[in-house]
Amino acid sequence: MFLLNKNILLALLTVLFFWGIIVISYKSWISIGFIVFFLLIICIINVEYRFLSSLFTAFLVSFLLYQLTNIFLDTYEMSRELRILLNRGSIFIIVVGLCVVHLFNKKKISFYNNKPNLNSRIVMPFHSIKLSYFLLIGIIISGISFIPFILQQEFSYIKSMLIFCLLFSIINATLEELIWRGFMLSSLKKYVSTTCAIIITGIGFGLLHLAVGIPFIISLLFSFGGFFYAFVVIKTNSIYTAIIFHFVINIGMVFSGLIL
């Protein structure tokens, strides 16, 4: 294993990581055992990628605990809204797992915890734009895209969903961004190129939606959202900008009836 080319080893780790997310989402418990076993073997015999393989292992084990937690919660009678909120809140299990692996490997925990400078400029390939304008335009476009779906809903539905919408959007946007654009993106960038880190975290972010019953193809399409959020974080050096975008999109999804 240690004789493998670096690129081949990285590709193998990435495939095992993606496959692990898929099999856990589909509750294939035996398969995840083999995947974690191979990741641990790589962790043991390859020093250079030891933290990376242990990071993927910790993520998958935490994701497995997340799935088992929600299976346990499903045994209780509760409203659909509460069930969804508990499901999203239990993602914190993955955050804990990622914290533990960082502490165990004596790695600094970094997740772009910087206040964005609204007066700074985001540099594009052919032009630049002020961050405040970029955020405003992005939020407006994100909101407008959901208006046709929201208008199909009755006002009473939107009013009844207000508190749930805010809670869901805050919990989901914050935890998902903390995991993917926080811990995972910042950690991967230390071992692979920025482009590669964005691709891995973007696809992983998309595949994780399999766990909430979203079809495979649509989950992969969610990866483009992950790419965009990562782009925003890299350009602004702040996770809070991605949380804002994610929050707005989640609000649009709830009010348009795509969540319930």
C-alpha atoms as a PDB file:
ATOM      1  CA  MET A   1       0.000   0.000   0.000  1.00  0.00           C
ATOM      2  CA  PHE A   2       2.832   2.402   0.903  1.00  0.00           C
ATOM      3  CA  LEU A   3       4.370   1.759  -2.544  1.00  0.00           C
ATOM      4  CA  LEU A   4       1.367   3.222  -4.317  1.00  0.00           C
ATOM      5  CA  ASN A   5       1.734   6.494  -6.181  1.00  0.00           C
ATOM      6  CA  LYS A   6       0.492   9.479  -4.159  1.00  0.00           C
ATOM      7  CA  ASN A   7      -2.218  10.304  -6.683  1.00  0.00           C
ATOM      8  CA  ILE A   8      -3.422   6.704  -6.766  1.00  0.00           C
ATOM      9  CA  LEU A   9      -3.487   6.534  -2.965  1.00  0.00           C
ATOM     10  CA  LEU A  10      -5.421   9.809  -2.757  1.00  0.00           C
ATOM     11  CA  ALA A  11      -7.888   8.544  -5.355  1.00  0.00           C
ATOM     12  CA  LEU A  12      -8.307   5.312  -3.378  1.00  0.00           C
ATOM     13  CA  LEU A  13      -8.933   7.228  -0.135  1.00  0.00           C
ATOM     14  CA  THR A  14     -11.467   9.462  -1.881  1.00  0.00           C
ATOM     15  CA  VAL A  15     -13.328   6.542  -3.457  1.00  0.00           C
ATOM     16  CA  LEU A  16     -13.480   4.729  -0.106  1.00  0.00           C
ATOM     17  CA  PHE A  17     -14.766   7.932   1.514  1.00  0.00           C
ATOM     18  CA  PHE A  18     -17.501   8.468  -1.085  1.00  0.00           C
ATOM     19  CA  TRP A  19     -18.454   4.798  -1.078  1.00  0.00           C
ATOM     20  CA  GLY A  20     -18.640   4.872   2.712  1.00  0.00           C
ATOM     21  CA  ILE A  21     -21.103   7.773   2.634  1.00  0.00           C
ATOM     22  CA  ILE A  22     -23.235   5.903   0.098  1.00  0.00           C
ATOM     23  CA  VAL A  23     -23.373   2.567   1.931  1.00  0.00           C
ATOM     24  CA  ILE A  24     -24.071   4.199   5.305  1.00  0.00           C
ATOM     25  CA  SER A  25     -26.851   6.261   3.719  1.00  0.00           C
ATOM     26  CA  TYR A  26     -28.387   3.049   2.413  1.00  0.00           C
ATOM     27  CA  LYS A  27     -27.746   1.315   5.765  1.00  0.00           C
ATOM     28  CA  SER A  28     -25.450  -1.362   4.365  1.00  0.00           C
ATOM     29  CA  TRP A  29     -23.777  -2.114   7.680  1.00  0.00           C
ATOM     30  CA  ILE A  30     -21.517  -4.967   6.520  1.00  0.00           C
ATOM     31  CA  SER A  31     -20.054  -2.920   3.666  1.00  0.00           C
ATOM     32  CA  ILE A  32     -19.096  -0.025   5.923  1.00  0.00           C
ATOM     33  CA  GLY A  33     -17.108  -2.432   8.088  1.00  0.00           C
ATOM     34  CA  PHE A  34     -14.874  -3.348   5.137  1.00  0.00           C
ATOM     35  CA  ILE A  35     -14.463   0.297   4.095  1.00  0.00           C
ATOM     36  CA  VAL A  36     -13.440   1.438   7.580  1.00  0.00           C
ATOM     37  CA  PHE A  37     -11.063  -1.551   7.779  1.00  0.00           C
ATOM     38  CA  PHE A  38      -9.249  -0.524   4.576  1.00  0.00           C
ATOM     39  CA  LEU A  39      -9.092   3.130   5.687  1.00  0.00           C
ATOM     40  CA  LEU A  40      -7.540   2.046   8.976  1.00  0.00           C
ATOM     41  CA  ILE A  41      -4.984  -0.099   7.131  1.00  0.00           C
ATOM     42  CA  ILE A  42      -3.953   2.935   5.065  1.00  0.00           C
ATOM     43  CA  CYS A  43      -3.849   5.009   8.241  1.00  0.00           C
ATOM     44  CA  ILE A  44      -1.479   2.544   9.874  1.00  0.00           C
ATOM     45  CA  ILE A  45       0.974   1.914   7.029  1.00  0.00           C
ATOM     46  CA  ASN A  46       1.078   5.315   5.291  1.00  0.00           C
ATOM     47  CA  VAL A  47       2.451   8.100   7.467  1.00  0.00           C
ATOM     48  CA  GLU A  48       2.027  10.897   4.918  1.00  0.00           C
ATOM     49  CA  TYR A  49      -1.722  10.383   4.548  1.00  0.00           C
ATOM     50  CA  ARG A  50      -2.312   9.161   8.102  1.00  0.00           C
ATOM     51  CA  PHE A  51      -4.285  12.206   9.203  1.00  0.00           C
ATOM     52  CA  LEU A  52      -6.283  12.296   5.977  1.00  0.00           C
ATOM     53  CA  SER A  53      -7.269   8.637   6.239  1.00  0.00           C
ATOM     54  CA  SER A  54      -8.077   9.034   9.946  1.00  0.00           C
ATOM     55  CA  LEU A  55     -10.160  12.122   9.074  1.00  0.00           C
ATOM     56  CA  PHE A  56     -12.208  10.129   6.554  1.00  0.00           C
ATOM     57  CA  THR A  57     -12.527   7.259   9.034  1.00  0.00           C
ATOM     58  CA  ALA A  58     -13.706   9.568  11.825  1.00  0.00           C
ATOM     59  CA  PHE A  59     -16.233  11.159   9.489  1.00  0.00           C
ATOM     60  CA  LEU A  60     -17.686   7.802   8.421  1.00  0.00           C
ATOM     61  CA  VAL A  61     -17.830   6.408  11.967  1.00  0.00           C
ATOM     62  CA  SER A  62     -19.537   9.617  13.146  1.00  0.00           C
ATOM     63  CA  PHE A  63     -21.911   9.471  10.190  1.00  0.00           C
ATOM     64  CA  LEU A  64     -22.732   5.884  11.118  1.00  0.00           C
ATOM     65  CA  LEU A  65     -23.534   6.998  14.684  1.00  0.00           C
ATOM     66  CA  TYR A  66     -25.699   9.765  13.216  1.00  0.00           C
ATOM     67  CA  GLN A  67     -27.663   7.194  11.210  1.00  0.00           C
ATOM     68  CA  LEU A  68     -28.078   4.888  14.203  1.00  0.00           C
ATOM     69  CA  THR A  69     -29.220   7.821  16.340  1.00  0.00           C
ATOM     70  CA  ASN A  70     -31.932   8.696  13.846  1.00  0.00           C
ATOM     71  CA  ILE A  71     -33.031   5.070  13.574  1.00  0.00           C
ATOM     72  CA  PHE A  72     -33.453   5.149  17.368  1.00  0.00           C
ATOM     73  CA  LEU A  73     -35.395   8.434  17.191  1.00  0.00           C
ATOM     74  CA  ASP A  74     -37.709   6.931  14.566  1.00  0.00           C
ATOM     75  CA  THR A  75     -39.029   4.535  17.204  1.00  0.00           C
ATOM     76  CA  TYR A  76     -40.690   7.447  19.008  1.00  0.00           C
ATOM     77  CA  GLU A  77     -43.921   9.147  18.033  1.00  0.00           C
ATOM     78  CA  MET A  78     -43.401  12.815  17.213  1.00  0.00           C
ATOM     79  CA  SER A  79     -44.413  15.441  14.681  1.00  0.00           C
ATOM     80  CA  ARG A  80     -42.707  15.477  11.294  1.00  0.00           C
ATOM     81  CA  GLU A  81     -41.332  18.940  12.004  1.00  0.00           C
ATOM     82  CA  LEU A  82     -39.708  17.854  15.281  1.00  0.00           C
ATOM     83  CA  ARG A  83     -38.321  14.712  13.650  1.00  0.00           C
ATOM     84  CA  ILE A  84     -36.670  16.777  10.928  1.00  0.00           C
ATOM     85  CA  LEU A  85     -35.191  19.226  13.427  1.00  0.00           C
ATOM     86  CA  LEU A  86     -33.778  16.380  15.535  1.00  0.00           C
ATOM     87  CA  ASN A  87     -32.394  14.771  12.390  1.00  0.00           C
ATOM     88  CA  ARG A  88     -30.598  17.960  11.409  1.00  0.00           C
ATOM     89  CA  GLY A  89     -29.449  18.655  14.953  1.00  0.00           C
ATOM     90  CA  SER A  90     -27.914  15.203  15.295  1.00  0.00           C
ATOM     91  CA  ILE A  91     -25.467  16.142  12.519  1.00  0.00           C
ATOM     92  CA  PHE A  92     -23.545  17.639  15.437  1.00  0.00           C
ATOM     93  CA  ILE A  93     -22.338  14.067  16.068  1.00  0.00           C
ATOM     94  CA  ILE A  94     -20.169  14.408  12.952  1.00  0.00           C
ATOM     95  CA  VAL A  95     -18.801  17.731  14.197  1.00  0.00           C
ATOM     96  CA  VAL A  96     -17.780  16.038  17.462  1.00  0.00           C
ATOM     97  CA  GLY A  97     -16.114  13.196  15.549  1.00  0.00           C
ATOM     98  CA  LEU A  98     -14.083  15.639  13.453  1.00  0.00           C
ATOM     99  CA  CYS A  99     -13.048  17.553  16.583  1.00  0.00           C
ATOM    100  CA  VAL A 100     -11.914  14.332  18.245  1.00  0.00           C
ATOM    101  CA  VAL A 101      -9.750  13.246  15.298  1.00  0.00           C
ATOM    102  CA  HIS A 102      -8.103  16.675  15.190  1.00  0.00           C
ATOM    103  CA  LEU A 103      -7.320  16.560  18.912  1.00  0.00           C
ATOM    104  CA  PHE A 104      -6.102  12.944  18.712  1.00  0.00           C
ATOM    105  CA  ASN A 105      -3.705  13.833  15.875  1.00  0.00           C
ATOM    106  CA  LYS A 106      -2.723  17.089  17.621  1.00  0.00           C
ATOM    107  CA  LYS A 107      -3.885  19.134  14.657  1.00  0.00           C
ATOM    108  CA  LYS A 108      -5.050  22.711  14.960  1.00  0.00           C
ATOM    109  CA  ILE A 109      -8.807  23.031  14.557  1.00  0.00           C
ATOM    110  CA  SER A 110      -9.398  25.569  11.807  1.00  0.00           C
ATOM    111  CA  PHE A 111     -12.687  26.245  10.052  1.00  0.00           C
ATOM    112  CA  TYR A 112     -12.414  29.706   8.477  1.00  0.00           C
ATOM    113  CA  ASN A 113     -13.685  31.313  11.654  1.00  0.00           C
ATOM    114  CA  ASN A 114     -12.976  34.801  10.345  1.00  0.00           C
ATOM    115  CA  LYS A 115     -15.211  37.826  10.143  1.00  0.00           C
ATOM    116  CA  PRO A 116     -15.716  38.667   6.446  1.00  0.00           C
ATOM    117  CA  ASN A 117     -14.497  42.059   5.313  1.00  0.00           C
ATOM    118  CA  LEU A 118     -17.482  43.435   3.416  1.00  0.00           C
ATOM    119  CA  ASN A 119     -15.310  46.083   1.804  1.00  0.00           C
ATOM    120  CA  SER A 120     -12.918  43.526   0.307  1.00  0.00           C
ATOM    121  CA  ARG A 121     -13.218  42.445  -3.295  1.00  0.00           C
ATOM    122  CA  ILE A 122     -13.766  38.958  -4.701  1.00  0.00           C
ATOM    123  CA  VAL A 123     -11.464  38.437  -7.653  1.00  0.00           C
ATOM    124  CA  MET A 124     -13.032  36.636 -10.603  1.00  0.00           C
ATOM    125  CA  PRO A 125     -11.196  35.426 -13.744  1.00  0.00           C
ATOM    126  CA  PHE A 126     -12.061  38.597 -15.698  1.00  0.00           C
ATOM    127  CA  HIS A 127     -13.204  41.100 -13.083  1.00  0.00           C
ATOM    128  CA  SER A 128     -13.639  41.727  -9.369  1.00  0.00           C
ATOM    129  CA  ILE A 129     -16.650  42.650  -7.269  1.00  0.00           C
ATOM    130  CA  LYS A 130     -17.074  44.094  -3.808  1.00  0.00           C
ATOM    131  CA  LEU A 131     -17.969  41.380  -1.272  1.00  0.00           C
ATOM    132  CA  SER A 132     -21.032  43.241  -0.011  1.00  0.00           C
ATOM    133  CA  TYR A 133     -22.395  43.500  -3.568  1.00  0.00           C
ATOM    134  CA  PHE A 134     -21.586  39.857  -4.262  1.00  0.00           C
ATOM    135  CA  LEU A 135     -23.498  38.736  -1.170  1.00  0.00           C
ATOM    136  CA  LEU A 136     -26.464  40.988  -1.948  1.00  0.00           C
ATOM    137  CA  ILE A 137     -26.714  39.851  -5.574  1.00  0.00           C
ATOM    138  CA  GLY A 138     -26.277  36.193  -4.606  1.00  0.00           C
ATOM    139  CA  ILE A 139     -28.944  36.357  -1.904  1.00  0.00           C
ATOM    140  CA  ILE A 140     -31.404  38.123  -4.227  1.00  0.00           C
ATOM    141  CA  ILE A 141     -30.875  35.563  -7.004  1.00  0.00           C
ATOM    142  CA  SER A 142     -31.197  32.681  -4.537  1.00  0.00           C
ATOM    143  CA  GLY A 143     -34.416  34.128  -3.147  1.00  0.00           C
ATOM    144  CA  ILE A 144     -35.952  34.906  -6.537  1.00  0.00           C
ATOM    145  CA  SER A 145     -35.321  31.356  -7.772  1.00  0.00           C
ATOM    146  CA  PHE A 146     -37.747  30.017  -5.138  1.00  0.00           C
ATOM    147  CA  ILE A 147     -40.500  32.610  -5.622  1.00  0.00           C
ATOM    148  CA  PRO A 148     -42.458  30.592  -8.268  1.00  0.00           C
ATOM    149  CA  PHE A 149     -42.626  27.630  -5.853  1.00  0.00           C
ATOM    150  CA  ILE A 150     -43.433  29.759  -2.806  1.00  0.00           C
ATOM    151  CA  LEU A 151     -46.295  31.499  -4.631  1.00  0.00           C
ATOM    152  CA  GLN A 152     -47.944  28.098  -5.115  1.00  0.00           C
ATOM    153  CA  GLN A 153     -48.258  27.737  -1.329  1.00  0.00           C
ATOM    154  CA  GLU A 154     -51.098  29.193   0.706  1.00  0.00           C
ATOM    155  CA  PHE A 155     -50.280  32.045   3.061  1.00  0.00           C
ATOM    156  CA  SER A 156     -51.519  29.989   6.020  1.00  0.00           C
ATOM    157  CA  TYR A 157     -48.883  27.336   5.220  1.00  0.00           C
ATOM    158  CA  ILE A 158     -46.069  29.900   5.093  1.00  0.00           C
ATOM    159  CA  LYS A 159     -47.236  31.452   8.374  1.00  0.00           C
ATOM    160  CA  SER A 160     -47.444  28.081  10.132  1.00  0.00           C
ATOM    161  CA  MET A 161     -43.945  27.141   8.908  1.00  0.00           C
ATOM    162  CA  LEU A 162     -42.205  30.345  10.028  1.00  0.00           C
ATOM    163  CA  ILE A 163     -40.685  29.117  13.316  1.00  0.00           C
ATOM    164  CA  PHE A 164     -39.825  25.692  11.885  1.00  0.00           C
ATOM    165  CA  CYS A 165     -38.294  27.366   8.827  1.00  0.00           C
ATOM    166  CA  LEU A 166     -36.006  29.586  10.887  1.00  0.00           C
ATOM    167  CA  LEU A 167     -34.918  26.764  13.217  1.00  0.00           C
ATOM    168  CA  PHE A 168     -34.320  24.318  10.382  1.00  0.00           C
ATOM    169  CA  SER A 169     -32.400  26.831   8.267  1.00  0.00           C
ATOM    170  CA  ILE A 170     -30.165  27.972  11.127  1.00  0.00           C
ATOM    171  CA  ILE A 171     -29.357  24.454  12.352  1.00  0.00           C
ATOM    172  CA  ASN A 172     -28.902  22.882   8.929  1.00  0.00           C
ATOM    173  CA  ALA A 173     -26.901  25.700   7.333  1.00  0.00           C
ATOM    174  CA  THR A 174     -24.595  26.163  10.316  1.00  0.00           C
ATOM    175  CA  LEU A 175     -23.804  22.488  10.941  1.00  0.00           C
ATOM    176  CA  GLU A 176     -23.438  21.460   7.286  1.00  0.00           C
ATOM    177  CA  GLU A 177     -21.143  24.392   6.548  1.00  0.00           C
ATOM    178  CA  LEU A 178     -19.128  23.769   9.705  1.00  0.00           C
ATOM    179  CA  ILE A 179     -18.574  20.163   8.617  1.00  0.00           C
ATOM    180  CA  TRP A 180     -17.905  20.568   4.901  1.00  0.00           C
ATOM    181  CA  ARG A 181     -16.548  24.050   4.339  1.00  0.00           C
ATOM    182  CA  GLY A 182     -15.147  24.273   7.865  1.00  0.00           C
ATOM    183  CA  PHE A 183     -13.392  21.137   9.107  1.00  0.00           C
ATOM    184  CA  MET A 184     -13.215  19.124   5.892  1.00  0.00           C
ATOM    185  CA  LEU A 185     -12.214  21.848   3.417  1.00  0.00           C
ATOM    186  CA  SER A 186      -9.626  23.452   5.697  1.00  0.00           C
ATOM    187  CA  SER A 187      -8.110  20.032   6.536  1.00  0.00           C
ATOM    188  CA  LEU A 188      -8.024  18.752   2.954  1.00  0.00           C
ATOM    189  CA  LYS A 189      -6.345  21.917   1.677  1.00  0.00           C
ATOM    190  CA  LYS A 190      -3.272  21.024   3.736  1.00  0.00           C
ATOM    191  CA  TYR A 191      -2.804  17.772   1.779  1.00  0.00           C
ATOM    192  CA  VAL A 192      -4.264  18.371  -1.680  1.00  0.00           C
ATOM    193  CA  SER A 193      -4.777  21.266  -4.067  1.00  0.00           C
ATOM    194  CA  THR A 194      -7.563  23.749  -3.423  1.00  0.00           C
ATOM    195  CA  THR A 195      -9.423  22.529  -6.516  1.00  0.00           C
ATOM    196  CA  CYS A 196      -9.208  18.914  -5.359  1.00  0.00           C
ATOM    197  CA  ALA A 197     -10.369  19.872  -1.847  1.00  0.00           C
ATOM    198  CA  ILE A 198     -13.367  21.716  -3.302  1.00  0.00           C
ATOM    199  CA  ILE A 199     -14.296  18.728  -5.483  1.00  0.00           C
ATOM    200  CA  ILE A 200     -14.027  16.188  -2.639  1.00  0.00           C
ATOM    201  CA  THR A 201     -16.020  18.284  -0.160  1.00  0.00           C
ATOM    202  CA  GLY A 202     -18.572  19.282  -2.808  1.00  0.00           C
ATOM    203  CA  ILE A 203     -19.314  15.709  -3.890  1.00  0.00           C
ATOM    204  CA  GLY A 204     -19.280  14.495  -0.290  1.00  0.00           C
ATOM    205  CA  PHE A 205     -21.751  17.232   0.615  1.00  0.00           C
ATOM    206  CA  GLY A 206     -24.037  16.138  -2.211  1.00  0.00           C
ATOM    207  CA  LEU A 207     -23.845  12.437  -1.368  1.00  0.00           C
ATOM    208  CA  LEU A 208     -24.685  13.085   2.288  1.00  0.00           C
ATOM    209  CA  HIS A 209     -28.198  14.065   1.165  1.00  0.00           C
ATOM    210  CA  LEU A 210     -28.805  10.388   0.351  1.00  0.00           C
ATOM    211  CA  ALA A 211     -29.254   9.895   4.098  1.00  0.00           C
ATOM    212  CA  VAL A 212     -32.420  12.014   4.113  1.00  0.00           C
ATOM    213  CA  GLY A 213     -34.013  10.127   1.226  1.00  0.00           C
ATOM    214  CA  ILE A 214     -32.993  12.326  -1.704  1.00  0.00           C
ATOM    215  CA  PRO A 215     -32.434  10.270  -4.909  1.00  0.00           C
ATOM    216  CA  PHE A 216     -28.860   9.615  -6.029  1.00  0.00           C
ATOM    217  CA  ILE A 217     -28.864  11.847  -9.140  1.00  0.00           C
ATOM    218  CA  ILE A 218     -30.448  14.787  -7.321  1.00  0.00           C
ATOM    219  CA  SER A 219     -27.962  14.344  -4.465  1.00  0.00           C
ATOM    220  CA  LEU A 220     -25.125  14.599  -6.972  1.00  0.00           C
ATOM    221  CA  LEU A 221     -26.681  17.818  -8.305  1.00  0.00           C
ATOM    222  CA  PHE A 222     -26.508  19.176  -4.755  1.00  0.00           C
ATOM    223  CA  SER A 223     -22.733  18.902  -5.170  1.00  0.00           C
ATOM    224  CA  PHE A 224     -22.801  22.034  -7.334  1.00  0.00           C
ATOM    225  CA  GLY A 225     -24.142  23.890  -4.312  1.00  0.00           C
ATOM    226  CA  GLY A 226     -21.203  22.494  -2.361  1.00  0.00           C
ATOM    227  CA  PHE A 227     -18.781  23.748  -5.017  1.00  0.00           C
ATOM    228  CA  PHE A 228     -20.333  27.215  -4.833  1.00  0.00           C
ATOM    229  CA  TYR A 229     -20.245  27.378  -1.037  1.00  0.00           C
ATOM    230  CA  ALA A 230     -16.586  26.312  -1.068  1.00  0.00           C
ATOM    231  CA  PHE A 231     -15.801  28.972  -3.679  1.00  0.00           C
ATOM    232  CA  VAL A 232     -17.401  31.615  -1.464  1.00  0.00           C
ATOM    233  CA  VAL A 233     -15.471  30.465   1.608  1.00  0.00           C
ATOM    234  CA  ILE A 234     -12.141  30.385  -0.235  1.00  0.00           C
ATOM    235  CA  LYS A 235     -12.673  33.805  -1.789  1.00  0.00           C
ATOM    236  CA  THR A 236     -13.826  35.477   1.446  1.00  0.00           C
ATOM    237  CA  ASN A 237     -11.718  33.407   3.874  1.00  0.00           C
ATOM    238  CA  SER A 238     -14.836  33.175   6.042  1.00  0.00           C
ATOM    239  CA  ILE A 239     -17.342  30.386   6.658  1.00  0.00           C
ATOM    240  CA  TYR A 240     -20.027  32.893   7.620  1.00  0.00           C
ATOM    241  CA  THR A 241     -20.628  33.999   4.038  1.00  0.00           C
ATOM    242  CA  ALA A 242     -21.415  30.410   3.007  1.00  0.00           C
ATOM    243  CA  ILE A 243     -23.709  30.000   6.031  1.00  0.00           C
ATOM    244  CA  ILE A 244     -25.668  33.071   4.921  1.00  0.00           C
ATOM    245  CA  PHE A 245     -26.144  31.694   1.387  1.00  0.00           C
ATOM    246  CA  HIS A 246     -27.032  28.253   2.717  1.00  0.00           C
ATOM    247  CA  PHE A 247     -29.486  29.785   5.209  1.00  0.00           C
ATOM    248  CA  VAL A 248     -31.328  31.718   2.486  1.00  0.00           C
ATOM    249  CA  ILE A 249     -31.583  28.664   0.232  1.00  0.00           C
ATOM    250  CA  ASN A 250     -32.897  26.528   3.115  1.00  0.00           C
ATOM    251  CA  ILE A 251     -35.572  29.139   3.823  1.00  0.00           C
ATOM    252  CA  GLY A 252     -36.627  29.017   0.172  1.00  0.00           C
ATOM    253  CA  MET A 253     -36.765  25.208   0.245  1.00  0.00           C
ATOM    254  CA  VAL A 254     -38.970  25.132   3.358  1.00  0.00           C
ATOM    255  CA  PHE A 255     -41.419  27.810   2.205  1.00  0.00           C
ATOM    256  CA  SER A 256     -41.660  26.211  -1.244  1.00  0.00           C
ATOM    257  CA  GLY A 257     -42.665  22.889   0.341  1.00  0.00           C
ATOM    258  CA  LEU A 258     -39.536  20.974  -0.695  1.00  0.00           C
ATOM    259  CA  ILE A 259     -38.605  19.983   2.887  1.00  0.00           C
ATOM    260  CA  LEU A 260     -41.962  18.837   4.310  1.00  0.00           C
END
